[in-house]
């Protein structure tokens, strides 16, 4: 199978998309708001995507909560942004961690119910004053240690619900001076500062099964290339220094931080050491060109893929989403009212 994840244009597959996906055989697919209708619509779409490739292909989404939530009202509830959890119960860290896990477990239930089994979250980026707001309140906190604690709680909540977490944006997007959807951020601080701050949550969660790269130039690591397409950053920082040996996705190839054509970007990301390249906008011509340009998963990428998916190929334990949501709402409204038995 090709080392790519592709999107689609709408809520139903076109005949041309079916044919492309059958021939390209991408590792998986990703959904955005343009693909989301009713729960039944989403179930039909996830089923059609898997039918197109003839296997149980992983299907991704960005369902962080807050302003990054592809599935929302009226069919799904709105979930808190990451910073909400970071601000809860400052004198009760166990409660704060338990609530972050509970929110993630509820999201996992929503996703599995409609056939989605990979969530591009949690965000482990650590914001700094003066940085671009593209991360902002998506981050759990400005304290790297607390980001690590809450990020692990969220990742474990997804896994408990049978959904693969993808930690992002490794090695860190929190101090970026631009929105990488629109321009290339450049971070010009010493390596010691990055290692003691930005890398901390990623190092703490290096055992996680999957991660997404940052389209950010770190001048202390590779002044010429953003992390996604830098063999130096991926080998020396992500794999060696941080110690992450899980499945590494690129961030979206169609973001303006990257240079070159879409096929050139995909080849560059995979050549640099990403295991799988993401193409998210659903543009048919771009997807066709990308699938012609890139190859299949490498042996290492296939090994990492098997290990990652093994973490979620299970039946989630019994879970009552109605009762769980009531608990979360109560706790968000008044953390002091939460009994110790909930922790």
Protein backbone atom coordinates (compact mmCIF):
# COMPACT_ATOMS: atom_id res chain seq x y z
CA UNK A 1 0.00 0.00 0.00
CA UNK A 2 1.11 3.56 -0.71
CA UNK A 3 2.71 5.56 2.09
CA UNK A 4 0.02 8.26 1.91
CA UNK A 5 -3.24 9.29 3.53
CA UNK A 6 -5.79 10.90 1.23
CA UNK A 7 -9.02 12.85 1.63
CA UNK A 8 -12.15 13.13 -0.49
CA UNK A 9 -14.16 16.08 -1.74
CA UNK A 10 -17.56 15.58 -0.14
CA UNK A 11 -19.88 13.40 1.88
CA UNK A 12 -20.05 10.71 -0.79
CA UNK A 13 -17.36 9.21 -3.00
CA UNK A 14 -17.47 9.99 -6.69
CA UNK A 15 -16.83 7.18 -9.18
CA UNK A 16 -13.49 8.80 -10.04
CA UNK A 17 -12.47 8.86 -6.37
CA UNK A 18 -13.40 5.21 -5.96
CA UNK A 19 -11.26 4.30 -8.96
CA UNK A 20 -8.32 6.40 -7.77
CA UNK A 21 -8.40 4.95 -4.27
CA UNK A 22 -8.66 1.39 -5.61
CA UNK A 23 -5.61 1.89 -7.81
CA UNK A 24 -3.54 4.01 -5.39
CA UNK A 25 -4.29 1.87 -2.32
CA UNK A 26 -3.39 4.57 0.25
CA UNK A 27 -2.55 3.53 3.81
CA UNK A 28 -5.62 5.38 5.02
CA UNK A 29 -7.95 8.35 4.67
CA UNK A 30 -8.68 11.58 6.52
CA UNK A 31 -11.99 13.39 7.01
CA UNK A 32 -12.69 17.11 7.39
CA UNK A 33 -15.82 19.18 8.00
CA UNK A 34 -16.65 19.05 4.30
CA UNK A 35 -17.10 15.29 4.67
CA UNK A 36 -19.32 15.36 7.75
CA UNK A 37 -23.12 15.07 7.56
CA UNK A 38 -25.28 13.05 9.90
CA UNK A 39 -23.85 10.10 11.82
CA UNK A 40 -25.35 7.75 9.24
CA UNK A 41 -23.77 9.80 6.45
CA UNK A 42 -20.36 9.46 8.09
CA UNK A 43 -20.82 5.73 8.60
CA UNK A 44 -21.68 5.30 4.92
CA UNK A 45 -18.63 7.32 3.91
CA UNK A 46 -16.18 5.45 6.13
CA UNK A 47 -17.64 2.18 4.85
CA UNK A 48 -17.28 3.33 1.24
CA UNK A 49 -13.68 4.39 1.74
CA UNK A 50 -12.77 1.00 3.15
CA UNK A 51 -14.71 -0.76 0.43
CA UNK A 52 -12.76 1.19 -2.21
CA UNK A 53 -9.45 -0.32 -1.03
CA UNK A 54 -10.88 -3.70 0.01
CA UNK A 55 -9.58 -3.66 3.58
CA UNK A 56 -10.07 -2.13 7.01
CA UNK A 57 -8.06 0.99 6.19
CA UNK A 58 -7.47 3.45 9.05
CA UNK A 59 -9.56 6.62 8.89
CA UNK A 60 -8.24 9.80 10.52
CA UNK A 61 -9.78 13.02 11.74
CA UNK A 62 -8.76 16.10 13.76
CA UNK A 63 -11.14 16.05 16.72
CA UNK A 64 -9.25 17.92 19.43
CA UNK A 65 -12.15 19.90 20.88
CA UNK A 66 -12.40 23.67 20.95
CA UNK A 67 -11.84 25.32 17.58
CA UNK A 68 -10.43 22.17 15.99
CA UNK A 69 -13.41 19.83 15.95
CA UNK A 70 -14.61 18.42 12.62
CA UNK A 71 -17.68 16.71 14.10
CA UNK A 72 -19.84 19.07 16.12
CA UNK A 73 -23.40 20.19 16.87
CA UNK A 74 -26.14 19.36 16.17
CA UNK A 75 -25.13 15.70 15.91
CA UNK A 76 -22.19 15.69 18.32
CA UNK A 77 -21.37 17.67 21.42
CA UNK A 78 -18.83 20.46 21.58
CA UNK A 79 -15.74 19.48 23.57
CA UNK A 80 -13.47 21.81 25.53
CA UNK A 81 -10.25 23.19 24.08
CA UNK A 82 -7.09 21.76 25.58
CA UNK A 83 -6.42 24.87 27.67
CA UNK A 84 -9.69 24.32 29.54
CA UNK A 85 -8.34 21.08 30.99
CA UNK A 86 -5.04 22.76 31.81
CA UNK A 87 -6.86 25.40 33.83
CA UNK A 88 -9.03 23.00 35.82
CA UNK A 89 -8.52 22.09 39.47
CA UNK A 90 -5.06 23.63 39.94
CA UNK A 91 -4.81 22.13 43.43
CA UNK A 92 -6.01 18.68 42.38
CA UNK A 93 -3.79 17.29 39.60
CA UNK A 94 -5.37 13.83 39.78
CA UNK A 95 -8.79 15.30 39.07
CA UNK A 96 -7.48 17.39 36.20
CA UNK A 97 -5.87 14.34 34.66
CA UNK A 98 -9.02 12.23 35.16
CA UNK A 99 -11.18 14.82 33.40
CA UNK A 100 -8.82 15.05 30.44
CA UNK A 101 -8.97 11.25 30.12
CA UNK A 102 -12.77 11.31 30.34
CA UNK A 103 -13.10 13.94 27.59
CA UNK A 104 -10.85 11.90 25.33
CA UNK A 105 -12.73 8.70 26.07
CA UNK A 106 -15.98 10.41 25.05
CA UNK A 107 -14.43 11.64 21.80
CA UNK A 108 -13.17 8.12 21.09
CA UNK A 109 -16.71 6.80 21.56
CA UNK A 110 -18.06 9.36 19.06
CA UNK A 111 -15.39 8.48 16.51
CA UNK A 112 -15.61 4.70 16.74
CA UNK A 113 -19.38 4.92 16.44
CA UNK A 114 -19.05 6.29 12.89
CA UNK A 115 -16.07 4.21 11.77
CA UNK A 116 -13.18 6.58 12.54
CA UNK A 117 -10.26 4.99 14.36
CA UNK A 118 -7.39 7.53 14.32
CA UNK A 119 -7.50 10.96 15.96
CA UNK A 120 -4.81 13.54 15.18
CA UNK A 121 -4.47 14.57 18.82
CA UNK A 122 -3.32 15.28 21.52
CA UNK A 123 -1.52 18.55 20.86
CA UNK A 124 1.77 18.48 22.82
CA UNK A 125 2.97 21.88 21.65
CA UNK A 126 3.96 24.30 24.42
CA UNK A 127 3.01 27.92 23.66
CA UNK A 128 5.27 30.85 24.50
CA UNK A 129 4.44 34.57 24.74
CA UNK A 130 4.46 36.30 21.36
CA UNK A 131 4.00 33.14 19.29
CA UNK A 132 1.43 32.91 16.53
CA UNK A 133 -2.00 31.90 17.81
CA UNK A 134 -2.34 28.89 15.50
CA UNK A 135 -1.73 26.74 18.59
CA UNK A 136 -3.03 29.07 21.29
CA UNK A 137 -5.69 27.46 23.45
CA UNK A 138 -5.31 24.16 21.62
CA UNK A 139 -2.34 23.66 23.96
CA UNK A 140 -3.02 22.26 27.42
CA UNK A 141 -0.75 24.64 29.28
CA UNK A 142 2.41 26.73 29.11
CA UNK A 143 4.18 24.34 31.51
CA UNK A 144 5.82 21.52 29.51
CA UNK A 145 5.52 19.05 32.39
CA UNK A 146 1.78 19.64 32.69
CA UNK A 147 1.36 19.35 28.93
CA UNK A 148 3.02 15.94 29.17
CA UNK A 149 0.73 14.77 31.98
CA UNK A 150 -2.48 15.88 30.28
CA UNK A 151 -1.31 14.74 26.86
CA UNK A 152 -0.72 11.24 28.19
CA UNK A 153 -4.15 11.20 29.86
CA UNK A 154 -5.80 12.19 26.58
CA UNK A 155 -3.83 9.65 24.53
CA UNK A 156 -4.73 6.90 26.99
CA UNK A 157 -8.40 7.91 26.80
CA UNK A 158 -8.36 7.50 23.03
CA UNK A 159 -6.61 4.14 23.20
CA UNK A 160 -9.09 2.87 25.81
CA UNK A 161 -11.85 3.70 23.32
CA UNK A 162 -10.14 1.94 20.42
CA UNK A 163 -8.83 5.08 18.70
CA UNK A 164 -5.20 5.65 17.76
CA UNK A 165 -3.78 8.93 19.12
CA UNK A 166 -1.37 10.95 16.98
CA UNK A 167 0.75 13.27 19.13
CA UNK A 168 1.55 16.54 17.39
CA UNK A 169 3.38 18.56 16.17
CA UNK A 170 6.73 16.91 16.82
CA UNK A 171 9.29 18.31 17.73
CA UNK A 172 7.14 21.32 18.67
CA UNK A 173 5.00 24.07 17.10
CA UNK A 174 4.29 26.12 20.22
CA UNK A 175 6.76 28.95 19.63
CA UNK A 176 6.19 29.22 15.85
CA UNK A 177 6.02 32.80 14.59
CA UNK A 178 3.58 32.04 11.76
CA UNK A 179 0.62 29.82 10.95
CA UNK A 180 2.11 26.96 8.91
CA UNK A 181 -1.16 26.66 6.98
CA UNK A 182 -0.27 30.01 5.42
CA UNK A 183 3.51 30.53 5.72
CA UNK A 184 6.72 28.88 6.89
CA UNK A 185 7.45 29.47 10.60
CA UNK A 186 11.08 29.89 11.61
CA UNK A 187 12.14 29.25 15.21
CA UNK A 188 15.51 30.80 16.01
CA UNK A 189 16.40 29.76 19.55
CA UNK A 190 19.29 27.66 20.89
CA UNK A 191 19.06 23.89 21.01
CA UNK A 192 19.32 23.91 24.80
CA UNK A 193 16.18 26.03 25.04
CA UNK A 194 14.27 23.74 22.67
CA UNK A 195 15.43 20.63 24.53
CA UNK A 196 14.49 22.03 27.93
CA UNK A 197 11.07 23.30 26.89
CA UNK A 198 9.58 22.40 23.50
CA UNK A 199 10.82 18.81 23.36
CA UNK A 200 9.84 17.93 26.94
CA UNK A 201 6.27 16.64 26.33
CA UNK A 202 7.33 14.73 23.21
CA UNK A 203 10.18 13.06 25.06
CA UNK A 204 7.79 12.12 27.88
CA UNK A 205 5.38 10.55 25.39
CA UNK A 206 7.97 9.01 23.08
CA UNK A 207 6.38 5.62 23.71
CA UNK A 208 3.17 6.69 21.94
CA UNK A 209 2.31 4.75 18.77
CA UNK A 210 2.04 7.66 16.30
CA UNK A 211 3.05 11.30 15.81
CA UNK A 212 2.67 14.13 13.31
CA UNK A 213 5.55 16.35 12.21
CA UNK A 214 5.82 20.13 12.39
CA UNK A 215 6.17 22.26 9.26
CA UNK A 216 8.60 24.51 11.15
CA UNK A 217 12.23 25.47 10.53
CA UNK A 218 14.39 25.19 13.65
CA UNK A 219 17.59 27.06 12.87
CA UNK A 220 19.46 25.25 15.63
CA UNK A 221 18.61 21.89 14.02
CA UNK A 222 18.42 22.52 10.27
CA UNK A 223 18.38 26.14 9.11
CA UNK A 224 17.46 25.23 5.54
CA UNK A 225 14.46 22.88 5.86
CA UNK A 226 11.29 22.52 7.94
CA UNK A 227 11.22 19.48 10.20
CA UNK A 228 8.81 17.54 7.96
CA UNK A 229 11.31 17.42 5.09
CA UNK A 230 14.55 17.46 7.10
CA UNK A 231 16.44 14.16 7.37
CA UNK A 232 18.55 15.79 10.09
CA UNK A 233 15.61 16.79 12.28
CA UNK A 234 13.83 13.46 11.85
CA UNK A 235 16.88 11.25 12.43
CA UNK A 236 18.82 13.26 14.99
CA UNK A 237 16.05 15.00 16.93
CA UNK A 238 12.77 13.09 16.56
CA UNK A 239 14.15 9.57 16.41
CA UNK A 240 17.37 9.92 18.43
CA UNK A 241 17.13 12.82 20.90
CA UNK A 242 13.39 12.62 21.60
CA UNK A 243 13.45 8.84 21.19
CA UNK A 244 10.25 8.45 19.19
CA UNK A 245 10.14 5.20 17.20
CA UNK A 246 6.42 5.19 16.41
CA UNK A 247 4.62 5.80 13.14
CA UNK A 248 5.50 9.29 11.88
CA UNK A 249 2.99 11.17 9.71
CA UNK A 250 3.79 14.38 7.93
CA UNK A 251 1.47 17.29 8.58
CA UNK A 252 -0.73 18.16 5.60
CA UNK A 253 1.28 18.45 2.37
CA UNK A 254 -1.07 21.12 1.03
CA UNK A 255 -0.14 23.65 3.74
CA UNK A 256 1.74 26.68 2.46
CA UNK A 257 4.73 26.18 4.77
CA UNK A 258 6.09 23.64 2.31
CA UNK A 259 7.67 24.48 -1.05
CA UNK A 260 7.38 22.68 -4.38
CA UNK A 261 4.58 20.76 -6.02
CA UNK A 262 2.44 18.34 -4.01
CA UNK A 263 4.28 15.30 -5.43
CA UNK A 264 7.63 16.94 -4.64
CA UNK A 265 6.51 17.65 -1.09
CA UNK A 266 5.36 14.07 -0.60
CA UNK A 267 8.60 12.61 -1.92
CA UNK A 268 10.62 15.02 0.24
CA UNK A 269 8.72 14.14 3.42
CA UNK A 270 9.06 10.40 2.87
CA UNK A 271 12.70 10.67 1.83
CA UNK A 272 13.43 12.67 4.97
CA UNK A 273 12.09 9.89 7.18
CA UNK A 274 8.34 10.40 7.57
CA UNK A 275 6.60 7.04 7.35
CA UNK A 276 3.37 8.35 5.79
CA UNK A 277 2.54 11.62 4.01
CA UNK A 278 -0.83 13.30 4.60
CA UNK A 279 -2.74 15.02 1.81
CA UNK A 280 -5.91 16.49 3.21
CA UNK A 281 -7.69 18.89 0.85
CA UNK A 282 -9.40 16.29 -1.33
CA UNK A 283 -8.18 17.83 -4.61
CA UNK A 284 -8.46 15.00 -7.12
CA UNK A 285 -5.66 16.06 -9.47
CA UNK A 286 -3.24 16.57 -6.58
CA UNK A 287 -4.10 13.17 -5.08
CA UNK A 288 -3.58 11.44 -8.42
CA UNK A 289 -0.22 13.12 -8.96
CA UNK A 290 0.91 12.34 -5.42
CA UNK A 291 -0.06 8.67 -5.68
CA UNK A 292 1.93 8.38 -8.92
CA UNK A 293 5.01 9.96 -7.33
CA UNK A 294 5.36 8.09 -4.04
CA UNK A 295 6.05 4.47 -3.23
CA UNK A 296 4.76 1.91 -0.78
CA UNK A 297 5.46 1.85 2.94
CA UNK A 298 9.05 1.00 3.73
CA UNK A 299 9.81 -2.05 5.82
CA UNK A 300 10.29 0.12 8.91
CA UNK A 301 7.09 2.06 8.23
CA UNK A 302 5.12 -1.18 7.83
CA UNK A 303 6.52 -2.43 11.14
CA UNK A 304 5.56 0.79 12.88
CA UNK A 305 2.11 0.70 11.29
CA UNK A 306 1.45 -2.82 12.56
CA UNK A 307 2.61 -1.88 16.04
CA UNK A 308 0.46 1.27 16.12
CA UNK A 309 -2.71 -0.39 14.89
CA UNK A 310 -2.24 -3.28 17.31
CA UNK A 311 -2.81 -0.76 20.12
CA UNK A 312 -6.41 -0.12 18.98
CA UNK A 313 -7.57 -3.33 17.35
CA UNK A 314 -9.68 -4.32 20.32
CA UNK A 315 -13.23 -4.01 21.53
CA UNK A 316 -13.47 -1.03 23.88
CA UNK A 317 -14.48 -1.82 27.42
CA UNK A 318 -18.13 -1.13 28.34
CA UNK A 319 -18.81 2.59 28.47
CA UNK A 320 -21.91 4.68 29.09
CA UNK A 321 -21.47 7.94 27.13
CA UNK A 322 -24.59 9.57 28.58
CA UNK A 323 -23.43 9.07 32.15
CA UNK A 324 -19.85 10.04 31.23
CA UNK A 325 -20.92 13.26 29.55
CA UNK A 326 -23.04 14.19 32.57
CA UNK A 327 -19.98 13.70 34.78
CA UNK A 328 -17.79 15.80 32.50
CA UNK A 329 -20.34 18.64 32.32
CA UNK A 330 -20.71 18.70 36.08
CA UNK A 331 -16.97 18.75 36.63
CA UNK A 332 -16.33 21.46 34.04
CA UNK A 333 -19.00 23.64 35.64
CA UNK A 334 -17.80 23.06 39.21
CA UNK A 335 -14.64 20.99 39.74
CA UNK A 336 -15.00 21.34 43.53
CA UNK A 337 -18.18 19.25 43.39
CA UNK A 338 -16.47 16.15 42.00
CA UNK A 339 -16.30 13.28 44.51
CA UNK A 340 -13.01 11.42 45.00
CA UNK A 341 -14.65 8.25 43.71
CA UNK A 342 -14.53 9.74 40.19
CA UNK A 343 -10.73 9.83 40.15
